[in-house]
Amino acid sequence: MVVGNLSLIAHTYHQTLSQSASIVSVFAWTYAIATPLLALSTNHFNKRSLFLILLAVFLAGTLLSAFAPSLPIFLFSRVMTASVAGLMESLMSVIAYQLATTDQQRSMLVAWIYTGFSIASVVGNPLGTFIANLWRWQDAFIMVAIITVLATVVATNLIPKDLVNEPASFKERLVLFSDRRIQLAIVFAICSAGMIFGYYTYIRSLIHQTLGFSLTALSLVLLLLGVLDVFANQLSGRLAAKNGIKRLRPFYVLDLVLLALFQFSMQNAWTGLLLLCALVFFFALFGSPIQIFVLDVASHDYPQATTLASTLNAIFYNVGVAVSSFTATQTLKVAGLPALGWNSLVYCAVALLVLLTLVRMTDREAMRG
């Protein structure tokens, strides 16, 4: 809702486009900070009850976003929703992981969770943009509130009541962070998010201003990008089921090449659109493999920290969003929208190096085993 309507929100609160990037950063940093704290402090809660409480907070924050009379109140509403969104996403992964009985089933269930977010983008992002252009951007948040009510009803009826908790002390769970594989996975998640939001923070402006598509076409383009994201997440689940970390390597090399061509491709509407489509598809592949990898490490070596492990991808993805949104803003000020590809390229290069290191480490441990 925010990324697709960033320029409209900025106009409402009398901000420039570059100044309004703080809206994205506030959400991302709150998400990253609050998620692990909540995961550590609510470990003994029943997962079903906790999930429903988080949905209620998310609903309250969304309604406040829709009716916020000033930017500070709007930012506070984003803090409310961000503080619970990460743990909700993580709980879904843990619930799916606990209910699955095979590696293939685990991978595909996690992939379907990411696909759910993609479908939300396919339907929600373009629809939110369409609603904002037709009426007001605030009405898009009202739509989200209605969907949240429906999601709460579904969750109440579908989530089992007797899910297993992981009783353990803070210290016993925090030992997870001492594992080098987890440390590398964290850096990888940050840089992977960075390479996406190094340009995607300003996706509306790129499509409308740089490539010259109309506001009507903008919604269709966002819809197309969302559809590609759905298919990519399904492929991501299949990759995750078969040593997904190792199989990501050629895709990151290809991402690097595409980002090197970003500024040149943005000089033409159709080459720019084709490049954006390719980037969205390949970028979305990393989600399930890294989530399954972290959950496998935790369940095998740190079972007391499985819930905390499930939050890491969401937490550090949003750290990447916050950092890359900031660097994207600086790039925009200095070099303009088409140069955002160079911002993403730096994150992609680091992600590829970390990925290669992680694969080598995993191979060495497999040989010892």
Protein backbone atom coordinates (compact mmCIF):
# COMPACT_ATOMS: atom_id res chain seq x y z
CA MET A 1 0.00 0.00 0.00
CA VAL A 2 2.78 2.44 0.88
CA VAL A 3 5.30 1.66 -1.86
CA GLY A 4 2.64 1.76 -4.57
CA ASN A 5 1.22 5.05 -3.30
CA LEU A 6 4.33 6.70 -1.87
CA SER A 7 4.10 9.82 -4.02
CA LEU A 8 0.41 10.33 -3.13
CA ILE A 9 1.08 9.93 0.59
CA ALA A 10 4.02 12.36 0.31
CA HIS A 11 1.75 14.93 -1.36
CA THR A 12 -0.93 14.60 1.35
CA TYR A 13 1.55 15.33 4.12
CA HIS A 14 3.45 17.97 2.10
CA GLN A 15 6.64 15.93 1.75
CA THR A 16 8.98 15.54 -1.23
CA LEU A 17 9.35 12.07 -2.72
CA SER A 18 12.84 11.63 -1.24
CA GLN A 19 11.65 12.82 2.20
CA SER A 20 8.76 10.35 2.15
CA ALA A 21 11.18 7.41 2.02
CA SER A 22 11.24 7.68 5.82
CA ILE A 23 7.76 6.12 5.78
CA VAL A 24 9.25 2.94 4.31
CA SER A 25 12.28 3.08 6.63
CA VAL A 26 10.21 3.54 9.81
CA PHE A 27 8.14 0.46 9.01
CA ALA A 28 11.20 -1.61 8.10
CA TRP A 29 13.26 -0.68 11.17
CA THR A 30 10.33 -1.21 13.54
CA TYR A 31 9.66 -4.57 11.90
CA ALA A 32 13.31 -5.57 12.31
CA ILE A 33 13.62 -4.46 15.94
CA ALA A 34 10.23 -5.54 17.29
CA THR A 35 10.07 -8.99 15.67
CA PRO A 36 12.93 -10.68 17.59
CA LEU A 37 11.92 -8.97 20.86
CA LEU A 38 8.37 -10.27 20.52
CA ALA A 39 9.59 -13.71 19.45
CA LEU A 40 11.77 -13.96 22.57
CA SER A 41 9.18 -12.58 24.99
CA THR A 42 6.15 -14.54 23.72
CA ASN A 43 7.80 -17.94 23.33
CA HIS A 44 5.56 -19.55 25.97
CA PHE A 45 2.31 -18.19 24.48
CA ASN A 46 -0.07 -20.50 22.69
CA LYS A 47 0.71 -19.89 19.00
CA ARG A 48 -2.93 -19.71 17.91
CA SER A 49 -3.92 -17.17 20.60
CA LEU A 50 -0.81 -15.12 19.93
CA PHE A 51 -1.49 -15.02 16.21
CA LEU A 52 -5.04 -13.74 16.77
CA ILE A 53 -3.81 -11.01 19.15
CA LEU A 54 -1.25 -9.90 16.58
CA LEU A 55 -3.97 -9.70 13.92
CA ALA A 56 -6.04 -7.44 16.20
CA VAL A 57 -3.10 -5.04 16.67
CA PHE A 58 -2.44 -5.07 12.93
CA LEU A 59 -6.10 -4.19 12.28
CA ALA A 60 -5.98 -1.26 14.74
CA GLY A 61 -2.81 0.09 13.13
CA THR A 62 -4.23 -0.21 9.62
CA LEU A 63 -7.39 1.69 10.57
CA LEU A 64 -5.26 4.40 12.15
CA SER A 65 -3.26 4.66 8.90
CA ALA A 66 -6.48 5.22 6.98
CA PHE A 67 -7.62 8.09 9.22
CA ALA A 68 -4.30 9.65 10.29
CA PRO A 69 -4.67 13.46 10.17
CA SER A 70 -0.91 14.14 10.19
CA LEU A 71 2.37 12.53 9.24
CA PRO A 72 3.48 11.80 12.85
CA ILE A 73 0.22 9.91 13.52
CA PHE A 74 0.55 8.09 10.20
CA LEU A 75 4.12 7.08 11.13
CA PHE A 76 2.87 5.88 14.53
CA SER A 77 0.26 3.73 12.79
CA ARG A 78 3.00 2.22 10.64
CA VAL A 79 4.97 1.45 13.80
CA MET A 80 1.92 -0.38 15.20
CA THR A 81 1.49 -2.58 12.14
CA ALA A 82 5.22 -3.15 11.70
CA SER A 83 5.66 -4.23 15.31
CA VAL A 84 3.42 -7.28 14.80
CA ALA A 85 3.73 -8.03 11.07
CA GLY A 86 7.09 -9.78 11.35
CA LEU A 87 6.05 -12.17 14.09
CA MET A 88 2.83 -13.01 12.23
CA GLU A 89 4.85 -13.97 9.16
CA SER A 90 7.27 -16.00 11.26
CA LEU A 91 4.51 -17.82 13.15
CA MET A 92 3.01 -18.90 9.84
CA SER A 93 6.33 -20.47 8.83
CA VAL A 94 6.70 -22.28 12.18
CA ILE A 95 3.12 -23.57 12.09
CA ALA A 96 3.62 -24.88 8.54
CA TYR A 97 6.99 -26.39 9.47
CA GLN A 98 5.49 -28.17 12.51
CA LEU A 99 2.50 -29.55 10.62
CA ALA A 100 4.52 -30.84 7.64
CA THR A 101 5.70 -34.45 7.67
CA THR A 102 8.31 -34.50 4.86
CA ASP A 103 11.06 -32.19 3.55
CA GLN A 104 9.17 -31.75 0.28
CA GLN A 105 6.01 -30.80 2.14
CA ARG A 106 7.87 -28.34 4.37
CA SER A 107 9.43 -26.60 1.39
CA MET A 108 6.19 -26.30 -0.51
CA LEU A 109 4.19 -25.13 2.53
CA VAL A 110 6.72 -22.36 3.17
CA ALA A 111 6.65 -21.57 -0.56
CA TRP A 112 2.85 -21.24 -0.38
CA ILE A 113 3.22 -18.77 2.49
CA TYR A 114 5.50 -16.63 0.33
CA THR A 115 3.10 -17.18 -2.57
CA GLY A 116 0.33 -15.82 -0.35
CA PHE A 117 2.30 -12.61 0.08
CA SER A 118 2.86 -12.54 -3.67
CA ILE A 119 -0.84 -12.99 -4.40
CA ALA A 120 -1.50 -10.16 -1.97
CA SER A 121 0.85 -8.05 -4.08
CA VAL A 122 -0.78 -9.21 -7.31
CA VAL A 123 -4.24 -8.28 -6.06
CA GLY A 124 -3.48 -5.75 -3.34
CA ASN A 125 -0.75 -3.53 -4.73
CA PRO A 126 -2.36 -2.78 -8.12
CA LEU A 127 -5.81 -2.68 -6.53
CA GLY A 128 -4.52 -0.32 -3.86
CA THR A 129 -2.98 1.88 -6.54
CA PHE A 130 -6.22 1.76 -8.55
CA ILE A 131 -8.33 2.68 -5.51
CA ALA A 132 -5.93 5.53 -4.66
CA ASN A 133 -6.12 6.91 -8.19
CA LEU A 134 -9.91 6.52 -8.32
CA TRP A 135 -10.68 7.82 -4.81
CA ARG A 136 -8.03 8.35 -2.11
CA TRP A 137 -4.98 6.42 -0.93
CA GLN A 138 -6.64 6.22 2.51
CA ASP A 139 -9.37 4.02 1.00
CA ALA A 140 -6.70 1.46 0.09
CA PHE A 141 -5.92 1.05 3.80
CA ILE A 142 -9.61 0.61 4.55
CA MET A 143 -9.56 -2.26 2.05
CA VAL A 144 -6.63 -3.81 3.97
CA ALA A 145 -8.59 -3.47 7.23
CA ILE A 146 -11.53 -5.37 5.73
CA ILE A 147 -9.22 -8.13 4.50
CA THR A 148 -7.61 -8.32 7.96
CA VAL A 149 -11.04 -8.96 9.52
CA LEU A 150 -11.63 -11.78 7.03
CA ALA A 151 -8.16 -13.21 7.74
CA THR A 152 -8.91 -13.22 11.46
CA VAL A 153 -12.07 -15.25 10.89
CA VAL A 154 -10.16 -17.74 8.74
CA ALA A 155 -7.30 -18.03 11.25
CA THR A 156 -9.72 -18.62 14.12
CA ASN A 157 -11.20 -21.60 12.32
CA LEU A 158 -8.10 -23.14 10.72
CA ILE A 159 -5.13 -22.83 13.10
CA PRO A 160 -4.85 -25.83 15.48
CA LYS A 161 -5.12 -25.10 19.20
CA ASP A 162 -2.53 -27.64 20.39
CA LEU A 163 0.64 -26.49 18.60
CA VAL A 164 3.91 -27.33 20.36
CA ASN A 165 5.73 -24.54 22.23
CA GLU A 166 9.52 -24.39 22.78
CA PRO A 167 10.16 -23.76 26.50
CA ALA A 168 13.68 -22.36 26.84
CA SER A 169 15.49 -19.43 28.42
CA PHE A 170 16.61 -16.32 26.55
CA LYS A 171 20.22 -17.50 26.69
CA GLU A 172 19.39 -20.94 25.32
CA ARG A 173 17.62 -19.40 22.33
CA LEU A 174 20.18 -16.66 21.66
CA VAL A 175 22.91 -19.28 21.15
CA LEU A 176 21.46 -19.59 17.65
CA PHE A 177 23.31 -16.40 16.67
CA SER A 178 26.70 -17.95 17.45
CA ASP A 179 26.37 -20.30 14.49
CA ARG A 180 28.41 -19.08 11.49
CA ARG A 181 25.84 -20.48 9.05
CA ILE A 182 23.12 -18.38 10.69
CA GLN A 183 25.34 -15.29 10.62
CA LEU A 184 25.95 -15.70 6.88
CA ALA A 185 22.25 -16.34 6.26
CA ILE A 186 21.47 -13.06 8.02
CA VAL A 187 23.88 -11.09 5.83
CA PHE A 188 22.48 -12.84 2.77
CA ALA A 189 18.89 -11.87 3.68
CA ILE A 190 19.90 -8.23 4.25
CA CYS A 191 21.70 -7.96 0.91
CA SER A 192 18.99 -9.83 -1.00
CA ALA A 193 16.38 -7.39 0.29
CA GLY A 194 18.77 -4.55 -0.45
CA MET A 195 19.14 -5.51 -4.08
CA ILE A 196 15.34 -5.54 -4.46
CA PHE A 197 14.46 -2.33 -2.63
CA GLY A 198 17.55 -0.57 -3.91
CA TYR A 199 15.25 0.35 -6.78
CA TYR A 200 11.78 -1.00 -5.82
CA THR A 201 11.26 1.73 -3.21
CA TYR A 202 10.59 4.04 -6.17
CA ILE A 203 8.90 1.51 -8.47
CA ARG A 204 5.86 3.74 -9.07
CA SER A 205 8.07 6.65 -10.11
CA LEU A 206 10.27 4.41 -12.28
CA ILE A 207 7.29 3.05 -14.19
CA HIS A 208 5.34 6.30 -14.46
CA GLN A 209 8.03 8.99 -14.73
CA THR A 210 11.08 7.22 -16.16
CA LEU A 211 9.41 4.69 -18.47
CA GLY A 212 6.47 6.99 -19.26
CA PHE A 213 3.56 4.62 -18.60
CA SER A 214 0.22 6.22 -17.71
CA LEU A 215 -1.38 5.86 -14.28
CA THR A 216 -3.83 3.34 -15.74
CA ALA A 217 -0.97 1.34 -17.23
CA LEU A 218 0.87 1.60 -13.91
CA SER A 219 -1.71 -0.60 -12.20
CA LEU A 220 -1.46 -3.16 -15.01
CA VAL A 221 2.33 -3.21 -14.81
CA LEU A 222 2.22 -3.74 -11.04
CA LEU A 223 -0.27 -6.54 -11.64
CA LEU A 224 2.09 -8.15 -14.16
CA LEU A 225 5.02 -7.89 -11.73
CA GLY A 226 2.87 -9.46 -9.02
CA VAL A 227 1.89 -12.41 -11.24
CA LEU A 228 5.56 -13.04 -12.00
CA ASP A 229 6.28 -12.94 -8.27
CA VAL A 230 3.64 -15.64 -7.64
CA PHE A 231 5.20 -18.01 -10.18
CA ALA A 232 8.68 -17.24 -8.87
CA ASN A 233 7.67 -18.17 -5.32
CA GLN A 234 6.37 -21.51 -6.47
CA LEU A 235 9.67 -22.15 -8.24
CA SER A 236 11.40 -20.97 -5.06
CA GLY A 237 9.66 -23.75 -3.11
CA ARG A 238 10.83 -26.36 -5.61
CA LEU A 239 14.38 -25.05 -5.36
CA ALA A 240 14.21 -25.17 -1.55
CA ALA A 241 13.23 -28.84 -1.59
CA LYS A 242 16.43 -29.80 -3.44
CA ASN A 243 19.43 -28.06 -1.85
CA GLY A 244 17.98 -24.64 -2.63
CA ILE A 245 20.91 -22.58 -1.35
CA LYS A 246 23.29 -24.18 -3.84
CA ARG A 247 20.83 -23.87 -6.72
CA LEU A 248 20.46 -20.11 -6.22
CA ARG A 249 23.98 -19.35 -7.45
CA PRO A 250 23.32 -18.98 -11.21
CA PHE A 251 20.30 -16.78 -10.56
CA TYR A 252 22.36 -14.31 -8.53
CA VAL A 253 24.98 -14.15 -11.28
CA LEU A 254 22.17 -13.36 -13.72
CA ASP A 255 20.79 -10.70 -11.32
CA LEU A 256 24.21 -9.07 -11.29
CA VAL A 257 24.26 -8.85 -15.09
CA LEU A 258 20.71 -7.47 -15.26
CA LEU A 259 21.45 -4.76 -12.70
CA ALA A 260 24.54 -3.72 -14.64
CA LEU A 261 22.18 -3.10 -17.59
CA PHE A 262 19.55 -1.30 -15.48
CA GLN A 263 20.41 2.34 -16.27
CA PHE A 264 20.76 1.67 -19.99
CA SER A 265 17.51 -0.33 -20.17
CA MET A 266 15.56 2.48 -18.47
CA GLN A 267 16.14 4.69 -21.53
CA ASN A 268 13.37 2.82 -23.36
CA ALA A 269 9.90 1.96 -22.01
CA TRP A 270 9.82 -1.62 -23.27
CA THR A 271 13.40 -2.64 -22.51
CA GLY A 272 12.93 -1.10 -19.07
CA LEU A 273 9.70 -3.02 -18.51
CA LEU A 274 11.29 -6.28 -19.69
CA LEU A 275 14.21 -5.77 -17.31
CA LEU A 276 11.91 -5.04 -14.36
CA CYS A 277 9.95 -8.23 -15.11
CA ALA A 278 13.13 -10.32 -15.19
CA LEU A 279 14.46 -8.78 -11.98
CA VAL A 280 11.21 -9.31 -10.07
CA PHE A 281 11.08 -12.97 -11.13
CA PHE A 282 14.68 -13.82 -10.25
CA PHE A 283 14.77 -11.77 -7.05
CA ALA A 284 11.78 -13.65 -5.61
CA LEU A 285 13.56 -17.01 -5.77
CA PHE A 286 15.63 -16.56 -2.61
CA GLY A 287 12.80 -16.56 -0.03
CA SER A 288 11.95 -20.24 0.47
CA PRO A 289 15.51 -21.64 0.17
CA ILE A 290 16.94 -19.36 2.85
CA GLN A 291 13.94 -19.81 5.16
CA ILE A 292 14.08 -23.61 4.90
CA PHE A 293 17.87 -23.54 5.34
CA VAL A 294 17.62 -21.55 8.60
CA LEU A 295 14.75 -23.68 9.93
CA ASP A 296 16.66 -26.87 9.12
CA VAL A 297 19.75 -25.62 10.97
CA ALA A 298 17.64 -24.60 13.96
CA SER A 299 15.52 -27.77 14.14
CA HIS A 300 18.64 -29.96 13.90
CA ASP A 301 21.04 -28.07 16.20
CA TYR A 302 18.94 -25.54 18.15
CA PRO A 303 15.37 -26.93 18.47
CA GLN A 304 14.70 -24.60 21.41
CA ALA A 305 15.11 -21.62 19.04
CA THR A 306 13.00 -22.68 16.06
CA THR A 307 10.50 -19.83 16.45
CA LEU A 308 13.30 -17.28 16.79
CA ALA A 309 15.00 -18.80 13.72
CA SER A 310 11.80 -18.43 11.73
CA THR A 311 11.86 -14.67 12.35
CA LEU A 312 15.37 -14.08 11.02
CA ASN A 313 14.52 -13.90 7.31
CA ALA A 314 11.66 -11.46 7.98
CA ILE A 315 13.73 -9.38 10.42
CA PHE A 316 16.83 -8.96 8.34
CA TYR A 317 14.91 -8.68 5.09
CA ASN A 318 13.43 -5.52 6.56
CA VAL A 319 16.84 -4.34 7.75
CA GLY A 320 17.84 -4.64 4.09
CA VAL A 321 14.72 -2.73 3.05
CA ALA A 322 15.50 0.10 5.48
CA VAL A 323 19.18 0.35 4.55
CA SER A 324 18.61 0.14 0.80
CA SER A 325 15.71 2.61 0.94
CA PHE A 326 18.11 5.08 2.54
CA THR A 327 20.86 4.48 -0.03
CA ALA A 328 18.27 4.61 -2.81
CA THR A 329 17.22 8.05 -1.58
CA GLN A 330 20.82 9.26 -1.64
CA THR A 331 21.31 7.79 -5.13
CA LEU A 332 18.12 9.50 -6.30
CA LYS A 333 19.32 12.88 -4.99
CA VAL A 334 22.69 12.58 -6.71
CA ALA A 335 22.03 10.71 -9.96
CA GLY A 336 18.26 10.33 -10.57
CA LEU A 337 15.89 7.40 -10.92
CA PRO A 338 17.65 5.40 -13.70
CA ALA A 339 20.83 5.20 -11.58
CA LEU A 340 19.05 3.18 -8.86
CA GLY A 341 20.22 0.00 -10.56
CA TRP A 342 23.80 0.69 -9.41
CA ASN A 343 22.55 0.93 -5.83
CA SER A 344 20.97 -2.54 -6.13
CA LEU A 345 24.02 -3.96 -7.89
CA VAL A 346 26.25 -3.36 -4.85
CA TYR A 347 23.87 -5.35 -2.62
CA CYS A 348 23.62 -8.12 -5.22
CA ALA A 349 27.41 -8.47 -5.46
CA VAL A 350 27.75 -8.84 -1.68
CA ALA A 351 24.82 -11.31 -1.58
CA LEU A 352 26.49 -13.46 -4.24
CA LEU A 353 29.80 -13.55 -2.34
CA VAL A 354 28.01 -14.52 0.88
CA LEU A 355 25.99 -17.18 -0.95
CA LEU A 356 29.14 -18.77 -2.39
CA THR A 357 30.74 -18.79 1.06
CA LEU A 358 27.64 -20.36 2.61
CA VAL A 359 27.53 -23.09 -0.06
CA ARG A 360 31.21 -23.94 0.48
CA MET A 361 30.69 -24.12 4.25
CA THR A 362 27.63 -26.35 3.87
CA ASP A 363 29.48 -28.67 1.47
CA ARG A 364 32.40 -29.01 3.90
CA GLU A 365 30.07 -29.90 6.77
CA ALA A 366 28.23 -32.43 4.58
CA MET A 367 31.57 -34.11 3.73
CA ARG A 368 32.50 -34.31 7.44
CA GLY A 369 29.08 -35.81 8.18
